[in-house]
Amino acid sequence: MLKKTQIKIGETIGVVFIVYLIVFFGGSWFLSSQNKSNQEFKETQALIKAYNIYNYVINHPFLRVTITGIIEEDQKLNYLALKTFSNFTNKSIQNELYYKNKLGDSLITINLYNYTGSKLVNFENYTLYNNTKKYSNKKYIGSKNIINAINIYDPSNKKVYFGTINVKVFYDPLS
């Protein structure tokens, strides 16, 4: 009778141990799969935010060339307005707070190119917005980048430049 009881207790302990192992490994697998989907979600959200910021900057009324005051679809960005805007965004606390609300944690740069002979040469770079201060000390940050071609019109010289706009959105993948 004593031997049968010991065997049944041993079987019970073995079954309980196996159940705990199954629950432990199942839980760890579930959490790791949730972490991957959470990371993909954050990357997708950052990319959507980058496109929204790009759309906001490209359609900003201050940066567009307007003669009649009506913004048309095919209008170019204004060269003089770009220079002014790049000096304007981070100069005062009100501007910084307003654009932080609109543009978030991002870096927006515009590169201007000129044709010399048969080559395209970069001749000017402007940082329209830079709010990357809180990510400067972090070891691991995520970012999504959009680069797109734009036309820029200089009304003082009546010349059209080719340019690229680079919108880089930063996010914390660990939070």
N, C-alpha and C. Protein backbone atom coordinates (compact mmCIF):
# COMPACT_ATOMS: atom_id res chain seq x y z
N MET A 1 0.81 -1.18 0.00
CA MET A 1 0.00 0.00 0.00
C MET A 1 0.86 1.26 0.00
N LEU A 2 1.95 1.27 0.74
CA LEU A 2 2.84 2.41 0.83
C LEU A 2 3.53 2.67 -0.49
N LYS A 3 3.91 1.62 -1.21
CA LYS A 3 4.59 1.78 -2.49
C LYS A 3 3.64 2.40 -3.53
N LYS A 4 2.35 1.96 -3.56
CA LYS A 4 1.38 2.50 -4.50
C LYS A 4 1.14 3.98 -4.25
N THR A 5 1.11 4.40 -2.99
CA THR A 5 0.92 5.81 -2.64
C THR A 5 2.10 6.64 -3.11
N GLN A 6 3.30 6.13 -2.91
CA GLN A 6 4.50 6.84 -3.35
C GLN A 6 4.53 6.99 -4.87
N ILE A 7 4.11 5.98 -5.58
CA ILE A 7 4.09 6.04 -7.04
C ILE A 7 3.06 7.07 -7.50
N LYS A 8 1.86 7.08 -6.87
CA LYS A 8 0.82 8.04 -7.26
C LYS A 8 1.26 9.48 -6.95
N ILE A 9 1.94 9.69 -5.82
CA ILE A 9 2.44 11.03 -5.49
C ILE A 9 3.50 11.44 -6.50
N GLY A 10 4.37 10.53 -6.87
CA GLY A 10 5.40 10.82 -7.88
C GLY A 10 4.78 11.15 -9.23
N GLU A 11 3.74 10.41 -9.63
CA GLU A 11 3.06 10.70 -10.88
C GLU A 11 2.41 12.08 -10.83
N THR A 12 1.76 12.41 -9.73
CA THR A 12 1.09 13.70 -9.58
C THR A 12 2.10 14.84 -9.66
N ILE A 13 3.22 14.69 -8.97
CA ILE A 13 4.27 15.72 -9.01
C ILE A 13 4.80 15.86 -10.44
N GLY A 14 5.00 14.77 -11.13
CA GLY A 14 5.47 14.81 -12.51
C GLY A 14 4.49 15.51 -13.43
N VAL A 15 3.20 15.21 -13.30
CA VAL A 15 2.17 15.85 -14.14
C VAL A 15 2.11 17.35 -13.85
N VAL A 16 2.13 17.72 -12.57
CA VAL A 16 2.09 19.14 -12.21
C VAL A 16 3.33 19.86 -12.75
N PHE A 17 4.49 19.22 -12.65
CA PHE A 17 5.73 19.81 -13.18
C PHE A 17 5.62 20.02 -14.69
N ILE A 18 5.10 19.06 -15.41
CA ILE A 18 4.95 19.18 -16.87
C ILE A 18 3.95 20.28 -17.21
N VAL A 19 2.86 20.38 -16.47
CA VAL A 19 1.88 21.44 -16.71
C VAL A 19 2.53 22.81 -16.49
N TYR A 20 3.32 22.96 -15.42
CA TYR A 20 4.01 24.23 -15.17
C TYR A 20 4.97 24.55 -16.30
N LEU A 21 5.69 23.57 -16.81
CA LEU A 21 6.61 23.81 -17.93
C LEU A 21 5.84 24.27 -19.17
N ILE A 22 4.73 23.62 -19.47
CA ILE A 22 3.93 24.01 -20.63
C ILE A 22 3.41 25.44 -20.48
N VAL A 23 2.92 25.78 -19.31
CA VAL A 23 2.42 27.14 -19.07
C VAL A 23 3.56 28.15 -19.19
N PHE A 24 4.72 27.85 -18.64
CA PHE A 24 5.86 28.77 -18.68
C PHE A 24 6.32 29.01 -20.11
N PHE A 25 6.55 27.95 -20.87
CA PHE A 25 7.02 28.10 -22.25
C PHE A 25 5.95 28.72 -23.15
N GLY A 26 4.68 28.39 -22.91
CA GLY A 26 3.60 29.01 -23.67
C GLY A 26 3.49 30.50 -23.40
N GLY A 27 3.63 30.88 -22.13
CA GLY A 27 3.59 32.30 -21.77
C GLY A 27 4.75 33.07 -22.35
N SER A 28 5.96 32.51 -22.31
CA SER A 28 7.12 33.20 -22.88
C SER A 28 7.00 33.33 -24.39
N TRP A 29 6.47 32.30 -25.06
CA TRP A 29 6.26 32.39 -26.50
C TRP A 29 5.23 33.48 -26.83
N PHE A 30 4.15 33.55 -26.07
CA PHE A 30 3.10 34.55 -26.29
C PHE A 30 3.65 35.96 -26.12
N LEU A 31 4.43 36.19 -25.05
CA LEU A 31 4.99 37.52 -24.81
C LEU A 31 5.97 37.93 -25.89
N SER A 32 6.77 36.99 -26.38
CA SER A 32 7.72 37.35 -27.44
C SER A 32 6.99 37.67 -28.74
N SER A 33 5.91 36.97 -29.04
CA SER A 33 5.15 37.29 -30.26
C SER A 33 4.44 38.63 -30.12
N GLN A 34 3.97 38.96 -28.93
CA GLN A 34 3.34 40.26 -28.70
C GLN A 34 4.36 41.38 -28.84
N ASN A 35 5.59 41.17 -28.39
CA ASN A 35 6.63 42.17 -28.48
C ASN A 35 6.96 42.47 -29.94
N LYS A 36 7.02 41.44 -30.79
CA LYS A 36 7.31 41.65 -32.20
C LYS A 36 6.20 42.44 -32.88
N SER A 37 4.95 42.13 -32.58
CA SER A 37 3.85 42.86 -33.20
C SER A 37 3.79 44.29 -32.68
N ASN A 38 4.15 44.51 -31.43
CA ASN A 38 4.20 45.85 -30.87
C ASN A 38 5.28 46.68 -31.56
N GLN A 39 6.43 46.07 -31.82
CA GLN A 39 7.52 46.75 -32.52
C GLN A 39 7.10 47.13 -33.94
N GLU A 40 6.45 46.22 -34.65
CA GLU A 40 5.97 46.50 -36.00
C GLU A 40 4.94 47.63 -35.99
N PHE A 41 4.08 47.64 -34.98
CA PHE A 41 3.08 48.69 -34.85
C PHE A 41 3.75 50.05 -34.66
N LYS A 42 4.78 50.12 -33.81
CA LYS A 42 5.49 51.39 -33.58
C LYS A 42 6.18 51.87 -34.85
N GLU A 43 6.78 50.95 -35.60
CA GLU A 43 7.42 51.33 -36.86
C GLU A 43 6.41 51.86 -37.87
N THR A 44 5.27 51.21 -37.94
CA THR A 44 4.22 51.66 -38.86
C THR A 44 3.70 53.03 -38.46
N GLN A 45 3.49 53.24 -37.16
CA GLN A 45 3.02 54.53 -36.68
C GLN A 45 4.04 55.63 -36.97
N ALA A 46 5.33 55.33 -36.81
CA ALA A 46 6.37 56.33 -37.10
C ALA A 46 6.39 56.67 -38.59
N LEU A 47 6.21 55.68 -39.44
CA LEU A 47 6.18 55.93 -40.89
C LEU A 47 4.96 56.77 -41.27
N ILE A 48 3.82 56.49 -40.68
CA ILE A 48 2.62 57.29 -40.95
C ILE A 48 2.84 58.73 -40.48
N LYS A 49 3.45 58.90 -39.31
CA LYS A 49 3.73 60.24 -38.81
C LYS A 49 4.70 60.98 -39.73
N ALA A 50 5.69 60.27 -40.27
CA ALA A 50 6.64 60.90 -41.20
C ALA A 50 5.93 61.40 -42.45
N TYR A 51 5.01 60.61 -42.99
CA TYR A 51 4.25 61.05 -44.16
C TYR A 51 3.33 62.22 -43.83
N ASN A 52 2.74 62.22 -42.64
CA ASN A 52 1.90 63.35 -42.23
C ASN A 52 2.72 64.63 -42.09
N ILE A 53 3.92 64.52 -41.53
CA ILE A 53 4.79 65.69 -41.39
C ILE A 53 5.23 66.19 -42.76
N TYR A 54 5.57 65.26 -43.65
CA TYR A 54 5.96 65.64 -45.01
C TYR A 54 4.82 66.39 -45.69
N ASN A 55 3.62 65.88 -45.58
CA ASN A 55 2.46 66.52 -46.18
C ASN A 55 2.22 67.90 -45.57
N TYR A 56 2.39 68.03 -44.26
CA TYR A 56 2.21 69.31 -43.58
C TYR A 56 3.22 70.34 -44.09
N VAL A 57 4.48 69.94 -44.21
CA VAL A 57 5.53 70.88 -44.63
C VAL A 57 5.34 71.28 -46.09
N ILE A 58 5.08 70.30 -46.95
CA ILE A 58 4.92 70.59 -48.37
C ILE A 58 3.72 71.52 -48.63
N ASN A 59 2.68 71.38 -47.85
CA ASN A 59 1.47 72.18 -48.05
C ASN A 59 1.37 73.38 -47.10
N HIS A 60 2.44 73.69 -46.40
CA HIS A 60 2.43 74.83 -45.49
C HIS A 60 2.28 76.12 -46.31
N PRO A 61 1.28 76.94 -46.01
CA PRO A 61 1.05 78.13 -46.85
C PRO A 61 2.21 79.12 -46.84
N PHE A 62 2.95 79.18 -45.76
CA PHE A 62 4.06 80.11 -45.68
C PHE A 62 5.19 79.73 -46.65
N LEU A 63 5.33 78.45 -46.94
CA LEU A 63 6.44 77.99 -47.77
C LEU A 63 6.11 77.93 -49.26
N ARG A 64 4.87 78.17 -49.64
CA ARG A 64 4.46 78.06 -51.04
C ARG A 64 4.65 79.36 -51.79
N VAL A 65 4.89 79.25 -53.09
CA VAL A 65 4.96 80.42 -53.96
C VAL A 65 3.53 80.76 -54.37
N THR A 66 3.09 81.95 -54.02
CA THR A 66 1.75 82.37 -54.43
C THR A 66 1.82 83.78 -54.99
N ILE A 67 1.16 83.97 -56.09
CA ILE A 67 1.05 85.31 -56.67
C ILE A 67 -0.32 85.86 -56.34
N THR A 68 -1.33 85.03 -56.47
CA THR A 68 -2.70 85.46 -56.24
C THR A 68 -3.16 85.18 -54.81
N GLY A 69 -2.35 84.49 -54.03
CA GLY A 69 -2.75 84.12 -52.68
C GLY A 69 -3.46 82.78 -52.63
N ILE A 70 -3.68 82.18 -53.79
CA ILE A 70 -4.33 80.87 -53.86
C ILE A 70 -3.26 79.82 -54.12
N ILE A 71 -3.24 78.80 -53.28
CA ILE A 71 -2.25 77.74 -53.43
C ILE A 71 -2.77 76.72 -54.43
N GLU A 72 -2.00 76.50 -55.48
CA GLU A 72 -2.36 75.52 -56.49
C GLU A 72 -1.54 74.26 -56.27
N GLU A 73 -1.99 73.17 -56.87
CA GLU A 73 -1.34 71.88 -56.65
C GLU A 73 0.10 71.82 -57.15
N ASP A 74 0.37 72.39 -58.31
CA ASP A 74 1.69 72.23 -58.92
C ASP A 74 2.67 73.32 -58.53
N GLN A 75 2.31 74.14 -57.56
CA GLN A 75 3.21 75.21 -57.17
C GLN A 75 4.45 74.69 -56.45
N LYS A 76 5.49 75.46 -56.55
CA LYS A 76 6.76 75.09 -55.96
C LYS A 76 6.90 75.71 -54.56
N LEU A 77 7.90 75.25 -53.85
CA LEU A 77 8.21 75.88 -52.56
C LEU A 77 9.03 77.14 -52.81
N ASN A 78 8.88 78.12 -51.94
CA ASN A 78 9.54 79.40 -52.09
C ASN A 78 10.91 79.35 -51.43
N TYR A 79 11.94 79.67 -52.18
CA TYR A 79 13.32 79.62 -51.70
C TYR A 79 13.53 80.60 -50.54
N LEU A 80 13.05 81.82 -50.68
CA LEU A 80 13.23 82.82 -49.62
C LEU A 80 12.45 82.45 -48.36
N ALA A 81 11.27 81.87 -48.56
CA ALA A 81 10.48 81.43 -47.40
C ALA A 81 11.16 80.27 -46.68
N LEU A 82 11.82 79.38 -47.44
CA LEU A 82 12.56 78.27 -46.80
C LEU A 82 13.68 78.81 -45.92
N LYS A 83 14.42 79.78 -46.43
CA LYS A 83 15.52 80.36 -45.64
C LYS A 83 14.98 81.02 -44.38
N THR A 84 13.87 81.74 -44.51
CA THR A 84 13.27 82.41 -43.36
C THR A 84 12.72 81.41 -42.37
N PHE A 85 12.03 80.40 -42.88
CA PHE A 85 11.41 79.40 -42.01
C PHE A 85 12.46 78.61 -41.24
N SER A 86 13.59 78.31 -41.87
CA SER A 86 14.64 77.55 -41.17
C SER A 86 15.24 78.36 -40.03
N ASN A 87 15.23 79.67 -40.13
CA ASN A 87 15.72 80.52 -39.04
C ASN A 87 14.64 80.79 -38.00
N PHE A 88 13.40 80.56 -38.35
CA PHE A 88 12.26 80.97 -37.54
C PHE A 88 11.78 79.90 -36.56
N THR A 89 11.85 78.61 -36.91
CA THR A 89 11.15 77.58 -36.15
C THR A 89 11.65 77.40 -34.73
N ASN A 90 12.94 77.50 -34.49
CA ASN A 90 13.46 77.21 -33.15
C ASN A 90 13.98 78.44 -32.42
N LYS A 91 13.59 79.64 -32.86
CA LYS A 91 14.13 80.85 -32.24
C LYS A 91 13.42 81.27 -30.95
N SER A 92 12.14 81.04 -30.83
CA SER A 92 11.43 81.44 -29.61
C SER A 92 10.71 80.24 -29.01
N ILE A 93 10.37 80.37 -27.76
CA ILE A 93 9.69 79.27 -27.06
C ILE A 93 8.31 79.02 -27.66
N GLN A 94 7.60 80.09 -28.04
CA GLN A 94 6.27 79.92 -28.63
C GLN A 94 6.35 79.14 -29.94
N ASN A 95 7.31 79.49 -30.79
CA ASN A 95 7.47 78.78 -32.06
C ASN A 95 7.86 77.33 -31.82
N GLU A 96 8.78 77.13 -30.88
CA GLU A 96 9.24 75.77 -30.59
C GLU A 96 8.10 74.89 -30.09
N LEU A 97 7.27 75.43 -29.19
CA LEU A 97 6.14 74.66 -28.67
C LEU A 97 5.08 74.40 -29.74
N TYR A 98 4.81 75.41 -30.57
CA TYR A 98 3.80 75.25 -31.62
C TYR A 98 4.25 74.17 -32.60
N TYR A 99 5.48 74.24 -33.07
CA TYR A 99 5.94 73.28 -34.06
C TYR A 99 6.25 71.91 -33.44
N LYS A 100 6.57 71.87 -32.16
CA LYS A 100 6.73 70.57 -31.50
C LYS A 100 5.40 69.83 -31.47
N ASN A 101 4.33 70.58 -31.28
CA ASN A 101 3.01 69.99 -31.29
C ASN A 101 2.64 69.49 -32.69
N LYS A 102 3.02 70.22 -33.73
CA LYS A 102 2.68 69.86 -35.10
C LYS A 102 3.63 68.81 -35.68
N LEU A 103 4.94 68.95 -35.41
CA LEU A 103 5.95 68.14 -36.08
C LEU A 103 6.58 67.07 -35.20
N GLY A 104 6.35 67.14 -33.91
CA GLY A 104 6.82 66.09 -33.01
C GLY A 104 8.33 65.98 -32.92
N ASP A 105 8.80 64.76 -32.68
CA ASP A 105 10.23 64.49 -32.56
C ASP A 105 10.76 64.11 -33.93
N SER A 106 11.18 65.13 -34.67
CA SER A 106 11.62 64.87 -36.04
C SER A 106 12.73 65.82 -36.44
N LEU A 107 13.35 65.48 -37.54
CA LEU A 107 14.39 66.30 -38.17
C LEU A 107 13.98 66.46 -39.62
N ILE A 108 13.82 67.73 -40.04
CA ILE A 108 13.39 68.01 -41.41
C ILE A 108 14.48 68.85 -42.07
N THR A 109 15.06 68.32 -43.11
CA THR A 109 16.10 69.03 -43.84
C THR A 109 15.74 69.11 -45.32
N ILE A 110 16.21 70.18 -45.95
CA ILE A 110 16.03 70.34 -47.39
C ILE A 110 17.40 70.58 -48.00
N ASN A 111 17.70 69.81 -49.03
CA ASN A 111 18.95 69.95 -49.77
C ASN A 111 18.64 70.50 -51.15
N LEU A 112 19.35 71.55 -51.55
CA LEU A 112 19.16 72.14 -52.87
C LEU A 112 20.30 71.73 -53.78
N TYR A 113 19.94 71.45 -55.04
CA TYR A 113 20.92 71.01 -56.03
C TYR A 113 20.87 71.94 -57.22
N ASN A 114 21.99 72.03 -57.90
CA ASN A 114 22.10 72.86 -59.08
C ASN A 114 22.78 72.05 -60.17
N TYR A 115 22.36 72.26 -61.40
CA TYR A 115 23.01 71.58 -62.52
C TYR A 115 24.24 72.38 -62.95
N THR A 116 25.39 71.73 -62.93
CA THR A 116 26.60 72.34 -63.46
C THR A 116 27.14 71.38 -64.52
N GLY A 117 27.01 71.79 -65.74
CA GLY A 117 27.39 70.89 -66.84
C GLY A 117 26.40 69.75 -66.92
N SER A 118 26.87 68.55 -66.69
CA SER A 118 25.98 67.39 -66.71
C SER A 118 25.82 66.78 -65.32
N LYS A 119 26.34 67.48 -64.29
CA LYS A 119 26.28 66.95 -62.93
C LYS A 119 25.29 67.72 -62.08
N LEU A 120 24.75 67.01 -61.12
CA LEU A 120 23.87 67.60 -60.13
C LEU A 120 24.69 67.82 -58.86
N VAL A 121 24.86 69.09 -58.47
CA VAL A 121 25.74 69.43 -57.36
C VAL A 121 24.91 70.01 -56.21
N ASN A 122 25.15 69.49 -55.00
CA ASN A 122 24.49 70.01 -53.80
C ASN A 122 25.15 71.32 -53.43
N PHE A 123 24.34 72.41 -53.35
CA PHE A 123 24.96 73.69 -53.02
C PHE A 123 24.43 74.33 -51.75
N GLU A 124 23.26 73.92 -51.26
CA GLU A 124 22.76 74.48 -50.00
C GLU A 124 21.95 73.43 -49.25
N ASN A 125 22.07 73.47 -47.92
CA ASN A 125 21.29 72.60 -47.04
C ASN A 125 20.61 73.47 -45.99
N TYR A 126 19.34 73.19 -45.75
CA TYR A 126 18.60 73.91 -44.73
C TYR A 126 17.96 72.91 -43.77
N THR A 127 18.06 73.21 -42.50
CA THR A 127 17.35 72.44 -41.49
C THR A 127 16.10 73.22 -41.14
N LEU A 128 14.95 72.72 -41.59
CA LEU A 128 13.70 73.43 -41.31
C LEU A 128 13.27 73.24 -39.87
N TYR A 129 13.50 72.05 -39.34
CA TYR A 129 13.04 71.76 -37.98
C TYR A 129 13.93 70.67 -37.40
N ASN A 130 14.32 70.85 -36.14
CA ASN A 130 15.16 69.85 -35.47
C ASN A 130 14.71 69.74 -34.02
N ASN A 131 14.04 68.65 -33.71
CA ASN A 131 13.65 68.39 -32.33
C ASN A 131 14.13 66.98 -31.97
N THR A 132 15.42 66.85 -31.84
CA THR A 132 16.02 65.55 -31.52
C THR A 132 16.79 65.61 -30.22
N LYS A 133 16.52 66.63 -29.39
CA LYS A 133 17.27 66.81 -28.15
C LYS A 133 17.12 65.65 -27.18
N LYS A 134 15.90 65.16 -27.01
CA LYS A 134 15.70 64.12 -26.00
C LYS A 134 16.25 62.77 -26.44
N TYR A 135 16.60 62.61 -27.70
CA TYR A 135 17.17 61.36 -28.18
C TYR A 135 18.69 61.40 -28.30
N SER A 136 19.31 62.52 -27.98
CA SER A 136 20.75 62.65 -28.16
C SER A 136 21.54 61.78 -27.19
N ASN A 137 21.01 61.50 -26.00
CA ASN A 137 21.75 60.72 -25.01
C ASN A 137 21.34 59.25 -24.96
N LYS A 138 20.37 58.86 -25.75
CA LYS A 138 19.89 57.47 -25.72
C LYS A 138 20.75 56.60 -26.63
N LYS A 139 20.95 55.38 -26.18
CA LYS A 139 21.77 54.44 -26.95
C LYS A 139 21.00 53.84 -28.12
N TYR A 140 19.75 53.53 -27.91
CA TYR A 140 18.99 52.86 -28.95
C TYR A 140 17.69 53.62 -29.21
N ILE A 141 17.59 54.18 -30.40
CA ILE A 141 16.36 54.84 -30.81
C ILE A 141 15.96 54.30 -32.16
N GLY A 142 14.70 54.39 -32.44
CA GLY A 142 14.21 54.00 -33.75
C GLY A 142 13.93 55.24 -34.56
N SER A 143 14.02 55.12 -35.87
CA SER A 143 13.69 56.25 -36.73
C SER A 143 13.19 55.74 -38.07
N LYS A 144 12.33 56.53 -38.66
CA LYS A 144 11.82 56.27 -40.00
C LYS A 144 12.13 57.49 -40.83
N ASN A 145 12.53 57.27 -42.07
CA ASN A 145 13.04 58.31 -42.92
C ASN A 145 12.28 58.36 -44.23
N ILE A 146 11.94 59.55 -44.69
CA ILE A 146 11.32 59.74 -46.00
C ILE A 146 12.15 60.77 -46.75
N ILE A 147 12.55 60.46 -47.96
CA ILE A 147 13.25 61.41 -48.82
C ILE A 147 12.43 61.53 -50.10
N ASN A 148 12.14 62.78 -50.48
CA ASN A 148 11.33 63.00 -51.67
C ASN A 148 11.86 64.20 -52.43
N ALA A 149 11.68 64.20 -53.75
CA ALA A 149 12.13 65.30 -54.59
C ALA A 149 11.11 66.44 -54.59
N ILE A 150 11.60 67.68 -54.61
CA ILE A 150 10.74 68.85 -54.64
C ILE A 150 11.35 69.90 -55.58
N ASN A 151 10.51 70.80 -56.06
CA ASN A 151 10.97 71.95 -56.84
C ASN A 151 10.90 73.18 -55.96
N ILE A 152 11.95 74.01 -56.06
CA ILE A 152 12.04 75.21 -55.24
C ILE A 152 12.27 76.39 -56.17
N TYR A 153 11.45 77.41 -56.01
CA TYR A 153 11.52 78.59 -56.87
C TYR A 153 12.14 79.75 -56.10
N ASP A 154 13.14 80.39 -56.70
CA ASP A 154 13.76 81.57 -56.12
C ASP A 154 13.19 82.79 -56.84
N PRO A 155 12.28 83.55 -56.18
CA PRO A 155 11.66 84.68 -56.87
C PRO A 155 12.62 85.83 -57.15
N SER A 156 13.69 85.97 -56.37
CA SER A 156 14.62 87.07 -56.61
C SER A 156 15.44 86.84 -57.88
N ASN A 157 15.81 85.60 -58.18
CA ASN A 157 16.57 85.28 -59.40
C ASN A 157 15.70 84.69 -60.49
N LYS A 158 14.43 84.42 -60.19
CA LYS A 158 13.50 83.77 -61.11
C LYS A 158 14.10 82.47 -61.65
N LYS A 159 14.56 81.65 -60.71
CA LYS A 159 15.21 80.40 -61.05
C LYS A 159 14.56 79.26 -60.26
N VAL A 160 14.45 78.10 -60.87
CA VAL A 160 13.88 76.93 -60.21
C VAL A 160 15.01 75.97 -59.89
N TYR A 161 15.05 75.54 -58.63
CA TYR A 161 16.05 74.59 -58.18
C TYR A 161 15.40 73.23 -57.95
N PHE A 162 16.21 72.22 -58.10
CA PHE A 162 15.80 70.86 -57.72
C PHE A 162 16.25 70.65 -56.29
N GLY A 163 15.41 70.03 -55.49
CA GLY A 163 15.78 69.77 -54.11
C GLY A 163 15.20 68.47 -53.60
N THR A 164 15.67 68.08 -52.44
CA THR A 164 15.11 66.91 -51.77
C THR A 164 14.73 67.32 -50.35
N ILE A 165 13.63 66.79 -49.90
CA ILE A 165 13.22 67.00 -48.52
C ILE A 165 13.39 65.67 -47.79
N ASN A 166 13.99 65.74 -46.63
CA ASN A 166 14.27 64.56 -45.82
C ASN A 166 13.55 64.73 -44.49
N VAL A 167 12.57 63.87 -44.24
CA VAL A 167 11.82 63.89 -42.98
C VAL A 167 12.20 62.64 -42.20
N LYS A 168 12.80 62.84 -41.04
CA LYS A 168 13.22 61.72 -40.20
C LYS A 168 12.49 61.83 -38.87
N VAL A 169 11.68 60.82 -38.57
CA VAL A 169 10.89 60.80 -37.33
C VAL A 169 11.54 59.82 -36.36
N PHE A 170 11.72 60.27 -35.12
CA PHE A 170 12.36 59.45 -34.09
C PHE A 170 11.30 58.92 -33.13
N TYR A 171 11.54 57.73 -32.63
CA TYR A 171 10.64 57.14 -31.63
C TYR A 171 11.46 56.21 -30.74
N ASP A 172 10.91 55.93 -29.58
CA ASP A 172 11.57 55.05 -28.63
C ASP A 172 10.97 53.65 -28.75
N PRO A 173 11.69 52.69 -29.32
CA PRO A 173 11.12 51.37 -29.54
C PRO A 173 10.96 50.56 -28.25
N LEU A 174 11.58 51.00 -27.18
CA LEU A 174 11.54 50.21 -25.94
C LEU A 174 10.40 50.62 -25.02
N SER A 175 9.77 51.74 -25.30
CA SER A 175 8.69 52.18 -24.40
C SER A 175 7.36 51.56 -24.78
